[in-house]
Amino acid sequence: MMYTMQDRRRFLARLSSAVAAGLIGPSNSVAQEAPPETTTIRLAKNRSICIAPQYVVGGLLQAEGFTDIRYVMTDAGMGQSKMLASGEIDFTLHFSPILLIPIEAGEKISIIAGVHVGCFELLAIERIRSIADLKGKTVGVPDLGTSSHVFVSSMAAHVGLDPAKDINWVRSPSISPMELFADGKIDAWLGFPPEPQELRARKIGHVVVNSSVDRPWSQYYCCMLAGNRDFIRRNPVATKRVLRAILKATDFCVSDPAGAARRMVDGGFTTQYDYALQTLKEVPYNKWREYDPEDTIRFWALRLREAGMIKSNPNKIIAEATDWRFLNQLKRELKG
C-alpha cells in the first residue's frame, strides 16, 4: 500500500483538530534537522487493529520527509519479528514478548519506544474465573510460539502453573481459535482487537483477563516500536523522524478516536469502523510519556524466563537490543 498526495491532503485535513491541540509539535523542529537518510519506509500491516498509530501515521510520515510509505503484509506473531530482523520491514509496533524471544536468539531487532498498554483479552467459559482455573483446560491458539500462546503461558507461569503440562493447547492454524471458542469446542481463548470486541458483542464467554485494565499486565507496554537494527544504525535521522510521527499519531488516537477510526477504514486497514472506534477508546494510548519502557523489558523478560521461553536476564537484553536516545529527545520536544 502506498500513499498519494490526495491521501495526504485528506489526512492532514482530519488532523486539523490535532494541530490546533498542539499534537504536531513545534513547526521548526523538523526544519532544523538534517533530511532523512532515506525517503522510503516500510511498516507492517496485519489483522491486528490495536496498532492503530501505525495505520494513521501516513500523513505525518510525509510531513517528516518520507515520500514512499509502504505497508507489507505480515502475520501478527513471530513471523513479523523475523521479517523485521531480516530487513523486509523497517519498523513495526509489536507485542513486547514476541520481540524479546528473537532478540535473545540474536536477531537484528532494536526496541526504541513503548507506545501503548494492553489490548489482549482472555475469554473463557463460565467455570473458568481465574488464570489458575486453566489447569487441565483446553486453550486455543493458532500455533505454539504465537502471541496468544506466549501471553497465556506467561500468565500461567506467573501464578505457578506449568504451561507445557497443565494446559491442553489446541493448535488451530486453519480454523480461527475464536470460532472454536464460539462453537464451544475449547474452554478459553486469548485474542486482540477486533476479535474480543466481536465476541463480547455476540455475548459469548466472559472476560477473565483484560490486559488494558488488569494488573500487573496493564502496568506495562503491550506494543513497543521496534526497528531493524541495521536500518537504525545507518539512518538515525530517519529513525527519529519515524518515531516522532508514530508518537504524534498515538496522540491523535487519543485526541480524536473517531477520526483515527475513520482513517483506518479509509486506508483499508479494517472494514469495522465500530470495532476500531471501540478499540481506540478502550486501549490506553495515552501512556507513552508516563511509562518507562525499560520496566516493560524487565517485566516481560522475567515472565518469559518463568515460562521457560528465554534464558537471558533483562539487563542483557536492555544493553544489547534497546535504543532510547530518540525517545528521550522526543519526550522533551513533544511535551503534552
Protein backbone atom coordinates (compact mmCIF):
# COMPACT_ATOMS: atom_id res chain seq x y z
CA MET A 1 0.00 0.00 0.00
CA MET A 2 1.32 3.46 -0.95
CA TYR A 3 0.12 6.95 -0.06
CA THR A 4 -0.78 9.51 -2.74
CA MET A 5 -0.88 13.29 -2.47
CA GLN A 6 -4.68 13.07 -2.24
CA ASP A 7 -4.33 10.72 0.74
CA ARG A 8 -2.06 13.23 2.39
CA ARG A 9 -4.49 16.11 1.88
CA ARG A 10 -7.38 14.12 3.34
CA PHE A 11 -5.33 13.01 6.31
CA LEU A 12 -3.96 16.45 7.10
CA ALA A 13 -7.47 17.88 6.88
CA ARG A 14 -8.62 15.38 9.52
CA LEU A 15 -5.65 16.31 11.66
CA SER A 16 -6.73 19.95 11.90
CA SER A 17 -8.06 19.48 15.41
CA ALA A 18 -4.87 17.71 16.42
CA VAL A 19 -2.79 20.56 15.03
CA ALA A 20 -4.88 23.03 16.99
CA ALA A 21 -4.25 20.98 20.11
CA GLY A 22 -0.50 21.16 19.55
CA LEU A 23 -0.01 17.49 18.63
CA ILE A 24 2.08 18.31 15.59
CA GLY A 25 4.72 19.92 17.75
CA PRO A 26 6.93 22.95 17.12
CA SER A 27 6.82 23.99 13.47
CA ASN A 28 10.60 24.39 13.28
CA SER A 29 11.53 21.06 14.89
CA VAL A 30 11.62 19.18 11.59
CA ALA A 31 13.14 22.03 9.59
CA GLN A 32 16.12 22.28 11.94
CA GLU A 33 17.10 18.65 11.42
CA ALA A 34 19.00 17.09 8.58
CA PRO A 35 16.78 15.39 5.99
CA PRO A 36 16.16 11.66 6.45
CA GLU A 37 18.86 9.44 5.02
CA THR A 38 16.15 7.57 3.11
CA THR A 39 12.71 8.68 1.98
CA THR A 40 11.32 5.13 1.85
CA ILE A 41 9.83 3.48 4.90
CA ARG A 42 8.23 0.04 5.22
CA LEU A 43 5.78 -0.79 8.01
CA ALA A 44 3.89 -3.97 8.88
CA LYS A 45 0.22 -4.48 8.16
CA ASN A 46 -1.73 -7.35 9.74
CA ARG A 47 -5.12 -8.24 11.18
CA SER A 48 -4.48 -6.52 14.49
CA ILE A 49 -6.14 -3.11 14.74
CA CYS A 50 -4.74 -2.17 18.14
CA ILE A 51 -1.60 -0.91 16.38
CA ALA A 52 -3.73 1.99 15.16
CA PRO A 53 -0.94 4.62 15.36
CA GLN A 54 0.94 2.65 12.71
CA TYR A 55 -2.10 2.79 10.44
CA VAL A 56 -2.92 6.50 10.79
CA VAL A 57 0.66 7.76 10.54
CA GLY A 58 0.89 8.19 6.75
CA GLY A 59 0.39 11.96 6.52
CA LEU A 60 2.69 12.55 9.47
CA LEU A 61 5.43 10.49 7.84
CA GLN A 62 5.05 12.56 4.70
CA ALA A 63 5.43 15.70 6.82
CA GLU A 64 8.69 14.18 8.09
CA GLY A 65 10.05 13.89 4.54
CA PHE A 66 9.12 10.33 3.60
CA THR A 67 7.77 10.12 0.07
CA ASP A 68 7.48 6.34 -0.33
CA ILE A 69 5.50 4.79 2.54
CA ARG A 70 4.80 1.09 2.14
CA TYR A 71 2.81 -1.42 4.16
CA VAL A 72 3.96 -5.02 3.97
CA MET A 73 1.60 -7.84 4.91
CA THR A 74 2.80 -9.86 7.90
CA ASP A 75 1.32 -12.17 10.47
CA ALA A 76 0.62 -10.82 13.94
CA GLY A 77 3.21 -13.04 15.64
CA MET A 78 6.73 -14.35 15.31
CA GLY A 79 6.77 -14.14 11.51
CA GLN A 80 6.51 -10.37 11.79
CA SER A 81 9.55 -10.29 14.07
CA LYS A 82 11.52 -12.37 11.59
CA MET A 83 10.60 -10.03 8.75
CA LEU A 84 11.75 -7.09 10.85
CA ALA A 85 15.05 -8.78 11.67
CA SER A 86 15.68 -9.71 8.03
CA GLY A 87 15.02 -6.18 6.80
CA GLU A 88 11.80 -6.94 4.91
CA ILE A 89 10.16 -4.25 7.03
CA ASP A 90 11.89 -1.34 8.74
CA PHE A 91 9.68 -0.69 11.78
CA THR A 92 6.63 -2.14 13.45
CA LEU A 93 4.55 -1.89 16.60
CA HIS A 94 4.61 -5.36 18.09
CA PHE A 95 3.80 -7.28 21.27
CA SER A 96 6.81 -6.98 23.58
CA PRO A 97 7.47 -10.69 24.31
CA ILE A 98 7.33 -11.58 20.61
CA LEU A 99 10.22 -9.17 20.15
CA LEU A 100 12.24 -10.41 23.13
CA ILE A 101 12.30 -14.07 22.11
CA PRO A 102 14.00 -13.50 18.72
CA ILE A 103 16.21 -10.80 20.24
CA GLU A 104 17.60 -13.40 22.64
CA ALA A 105 18.23 -15.65 19.65
CA GLY A 106 20.46 -12.95 18.15
CA GLU A 107 18.06 -11.42 15.63
CA LYS A 108 18.79 -7.84 14.49
CA ILE A 109 15.96 -6.05 16.27
CA SER A 110 16.16 -2.91 18.39
CA ILE A 111 13.32 -1.61 20.55
CA ILE A 112 13.16 2.19 20.56
CA ALA A 113 9.95 3.11 22.42
CA GLY A 114 6.88 1.88 24.23
CA VAL A 115 3.66 3.03 22.58
CA HIS A 116 0.52 1.58 24.14
CA VAL A 117 -0.66 -0.56 27.01
CA GLY A 118 -2.55 -3.82 26.72
CA CYS A 119 -5.14 -4.85 24.20
CA PHE A 120 -5.32 -8.61 24.81
CA GLU A 121 -8.35 -10.23 26.41
CA LEU A 122 -8.67 -13.77 27.71
CA LEU A 123 -12.21 -15.07 27.28
CA ALA A 124 -13.37 -18.31 28.83
CA ILE A 125 -16.33 -20.49 29.68
CA GLU A 126 -18.27 -19.69 32.84
CA ARG A 127 -16.50 -22.07 35.22
CA ILE A 128 -13.08 -20.54 34.48
CA ARG A 129 -12.80 -17.47 36.72
CA SER A 130 -9.02 -17.06 37.02
CA ILE A 131 -5.76 -18.00 35.31
CA ALA A 132 -5.27 -20.80 37.84
CA ASP A 133 -8.55 -22.33 36.63
CA LEU A 134 -6.92 -23.01 33.24
CA LYS A 135 -5.23 -26.08 34.73
CA GLY A 136 -6.41 -29.10 32.78
CA LYS A 137 -8.49 -26.98 30.38
CA THR A 138 -8.26 -26.53 26.61
CA VAL A 139 -6.91 -23.23 25.29
CA GLY A 140 -6.97 -22.46 21.58
CA VAL A 141 -4.00 -20.85 19.80
CA PRO A 142 -3.09 -20.55 16.12
CA ASP A 143 0.19 -22.30 16.93
CA LEU A 144 2.79 -22.62 19.67
CA GLY A 145 5.02 -19.57 19.81
CA THR A 146 2.31 -17.17 18.68
CA SER A 147 1.39 -14.07 20.66
CA SER A 148 -1.61 -15.72 22.30
CA HIS A 149 0.36 -18.82 23.29
CA VAL A 150 3.22 -16.76 24.72
CA PHE A 151 0.92 -14.45 26.69
CA VAL A 152 -1.23 -17.21 28.19
CA SER A 153 1.91 -19.21 29.02
CA SER A 154 3.40 -16.20 30.78
CA MET A 155 0.25 -15.61 32.80
CA ALA A 156 0.03 -19.29 33.71
CA ALA A 157 3.66 -19.49 34.83
CA HIS A 158 3.21 -16.30 36.85
CA VAL A 159 0.54 -18.00 39.01
CA GLY A 160 2.51 -21.22 39.43
CA LEU A 161 1.22 -23.38 36.58
CA ASP A 162 3.45 -25.25 34.17
CA PRO A 163 2.07 -24.07 30.81
CA ALA A 164 3.58 -27.01 28.94
CA LYS A 165 1.99 -29.62 31.22
CA ASP A 166 -1.00 -28.02 32.91
CA ILE A 167 -2.76 -26.57 29.85
CA ASN A 168 -4.12 -28.55 26.93
CA TRP A 169 -3.18 -26.44 23.93
CA VAL A 170 -5.38 -26.78 20.86
CA ARG A 171 -3.39 -25.65 17.84
CA SER A 172 -5.62 -24.40 15.05
CA PRO A 173 -3.85 -22.70 12.15
CA SER A 174 -6.75 -23.18 9.73
CA ILE A 175 -9.85 -22.55 11.86
CA SER A 176 -9.76 -19.41 13.98
CA PRO A 177 -9.40 -20.25 17.69
CA MET A 178 -12.02 -17.56 18.24
CA GLU A 179 -14.51 -19.59 16.21
CA LEU A 180 -13.56 -22.79 18.04
CA PHE A 181 -14.35 -20.98 21.28
CA ALA A 182 -17.58 -19.56 19.88
CA ASP A 183 -18.61 -23.09 18.84
CA GLY A 184 -17.91 -24.47 22.34
CA LYS A 185 -15.00 -26.66 21.23
CA ILE A 186 -12.40 -25.17 23.57
CA ASP A 187 -12.56 -23.71 27.07
CA ALA A 188 -10.62 -20.46 26.66
CA TRP A 189 -9.06 -18.22 24.09
CA LEU A 190 -6.96 -15.06 24.10
CA GLY A 191 -7.18 -12.52 21.31
CA PHE A 192 -6.61 -8.93 20.29
CA PRO A 193 -8.86 -6.37 18.58
CA PRO A 194 -11.16 -6.68 16.78
CA GLU A 195 -11.89 -10.28 17.87
CA PRO A 196 -12.65 -9.75 21.60
CA GLN A 197 -14.98 -6.90 20.68
CA GLU A 198 -16.83 -9.21 18.30
CA LEU A 199 -17.27 -11.98 20.87
CA ARG A 200 -18.41 -9.54 23.52
CA ALA A 201 -20.98 -8.18 21.09
CA ARG A 202 -22.15 -11.75 20.45
CA LYS A 203 -22.29 -12.32 24.25
CA ILE A 204 -20.03 -15.37 24.03
CA GLY A 205 -17.91 -16.23 27.08
CA HIS A 206 -16.74 -13.80 29.70
CA VAL A 207 -13.52 -11.85 30.17
CA VAL A 208 -11.07 -13.41 32.64
CA VAL A 209 -8.19 -11.00 31.96
CA ASN A 210 -8.19 -7.70 30.12
CA SER A 211 -4.60 -6.51 29.82
CA SER A 212 -5.73 -2.90 29.37
CA VAL A 213 -7.02 -2.71 32.94
CA ASP A 214 -5.93 -5.79 34.91
CA ARG A 215 -2.73 -5.72 36.93
CA PRO A 216 0.09 -6.45 36.55
CA TRP A 217 -0.31 -6.59 32.75
CA SER A 218 -1.85 -3.12 32.50
CA GLN A 219 1.20 -1.56 34.13
CA TYR A 220 3.48 -2.28 31.19
CA TYR A 221 3.52 -1.67 27.48
CA CYS A 222 1.88 -4.24 25.27
CA CYS A 223 3.14 -2.96 21.91
CA MET A 224 6.52 -1.30 21.50
CA LEU A 225 8.06 0.27 18.43
CA ALA A 226 10.92 -1.83 17.14
CA GLY A 227 13.16 -1.38 14.14
CA ASN A 228 15.64 -3.32 12.10
CA ARG A 229 18.94 -2.78 13.90
CA ASP A 230 20.93 -2.17 10.72
CA PHE A 231 18.38 0.38 9.48
CA ILE A 232 18.57 2.30 12.76
CA ARG A 233 22.37 2.32 12.71
CA ARG A 234 22.51 3.56 9.10
CA ASN A 235 19.61 6.01 9.37
CA PRO A 236 19.47 7.78 12.75
CA VAL A 237 17.73 10.90 11.40
CA ALA A 238 15.09 8.83 9.61
CA THR A 239 14.62 6.75 12.77
CA LYS A 240 13.94 9.81 14.90
CA ARG A 241 11.51 11.13 12.29
CA VAL A 242 9.64 7.80 12.15
CA LEU A 243 9.34 7.70 15.93
CA ARG A 244 8.16 11.31 16.10
CA ALA A 245 5.45 10.55 13.53
CA ILE A 246 4.34 7.42 15.41
CA LEU A 247 4.14 9.28 18.72
CA LYS A 248 2.13 12.10 17.17
CA ALA A 249 -0.15 9.51 15.58
CA THR A 250 -0.57 7.96 19.04
CA ASP A 251 -1.61 11.33 20.42
CA PHE A 252 -4.06 11.65 17.53
CA CYS A 253 -5.62 8.31 18.52
CA VAL A 254 -6.23 9.79 21.98
CA SER A 255 -7.48 13.22 20.90
CA ASP A 256 -9.70 12.10 18.02
CA PRO A 257 -10.54 8.38 18.19
CA ALA A 258 -13.41 8.79 15.74
CA GLY A 259 -11.15 10.45 13.18
CA ALA A 260 -8.48 7.80 13.67
CA ALA A 261 -11.03 5.00 13.26
CA ARG A 262 -12.30 6.57 10.04
CA ARG A 263 -8.73 6.90 8.79
CA MET A 264 -8.19 3.17 9.41
CA VAL A 265 -11.29 2.30 7.40
CA ASP A 266 -10.42 4.72 4.60
CA GLY A 267 -6.90 3.29 4.45
CA GLY A 268 -8.13 -0.28 4.10
CA PHE A 269 -6.74 -1.43 7.44
CA THR A 270 -10.16 -2.57 8.68
CA THR A 271 -13.74 -2.64 7.48
CA GLN A 272 -15.18 -2.48 11.00
CA TYR A 273 -15.46 1.17 12.00
CA ASP A 274 -17.42 0.43 15.19
CA TYR A 275 -14.85 -2.08 16.47
CA ALA A 276 -11.99 0.24 15.51
CA LEU A 277 -13.58 3.10 17.44
CA GLN A 278 -14.24 0.85 20.42
CA THR A 279 -10.61 -0.28 20.38
CA LEU A 280 -9.34 3.29 20.21
CA LYS A 281 -11.47 4.25 23.20
CA GLU A 282 -10.55 1.20 25.29
CA VAL A 283 -6.82 0.76 24.70
CA PRO A 284 -4.63 3.16 26.74
CA TYR A 285 -2.76 5.10 24.04
CA ASN A 286 -2.01 7.90 26.50
CA LYS A 287 0.82 6.29 28.46
CA TRP A 288 3.85 6.70 26.22
CA ARG A 289 5.05 9.77 28.13
CA GLU A 290 4.48 8.15 31.52
CA TYR A 291 5.69 4.56 31.49
CA ASP A 292 9.35 3.57 31.43
CA PRO A 293 9.99 1.19 28.51
CA GLU A 294 12.87 -0.45 30.39
CA ASP A 295 10.39 -1.51 33.06
CA THR A 296 8.43 -3.32 30.37
CA ILE A 297 11.53 -5.11 29.10
CA ARG A 298 12.41 -6.21 32.62
CA PHE A 299 8.88 -7.34 33.40
CA TRP A 300 8.38 -9.39 30.24
CA ALA A 301 11.89 -10.85 30.30
CA LEU A 302 11.22 -12.19 33.79
CA ARG A 303 7.81 -13.55 32.76
CA LEU A 304 9.34 -15.30 29.76
CA ARG A 305 12.04 -16.81 31.97
CA GLU A 306 9.36 -18.11 34.33
CA ALA A 307 7.64 -19.72 31.36
CA GLY A 308 10.92 -21.25 30.13
CA MET A 309 10.88 -19.29 26.88
CA ILE A 310 14.11 -17.33 27.29
CA LYS A 311 17.20 -17.58 29.49
CA SER A 312 18.69 -14.09 29.24
CA ASN A 313 18.43 -11.66 32.12
CA PRO A 314 16.67 -8.35 31.44
CA ASN A 315 19.79 -6.21 31.72
CA LYS A 316 21.49 -8.13 28.91
CA ILE A 317 18.52 -7.57 26.60
CA ILE A 318 18.31 -3.88 27.52
CA ALA A 319 22.03 -3.39 26.88
CA GLU A 320 22.08 -5.19 23.55
CA ALA A 321 18.72 -4.52 21.96
CA THR A 322 17.25 -1.20 23.09
CA ASP A 323 17.99 2.37 21.99
CA TRP A 324 16.16 5.07 23.94
CA ARG A 325 18.09 8.13 22.66
CA PHE A 326 15.39 9.07 20.13
CA LEU A 327 12.57 8.66 22.65
CA ASN A 328 14.40 10.73 25.26
CA GLN A 329 14.86 13.56 22.76
CA LEU A 330 11.25 13.46 21.63
CA LYS A 331 9.83 13.37 25.16
CA ARG A 332 11.40 16.78 25.64
CA GLU A 333 10.21 18.02 22.26
CA LEU A 334 6.66 16.67 22.36
CA LYS A 335 5.61 17.73 25.81
CA GLY A 336 1.88 17.25 26.29
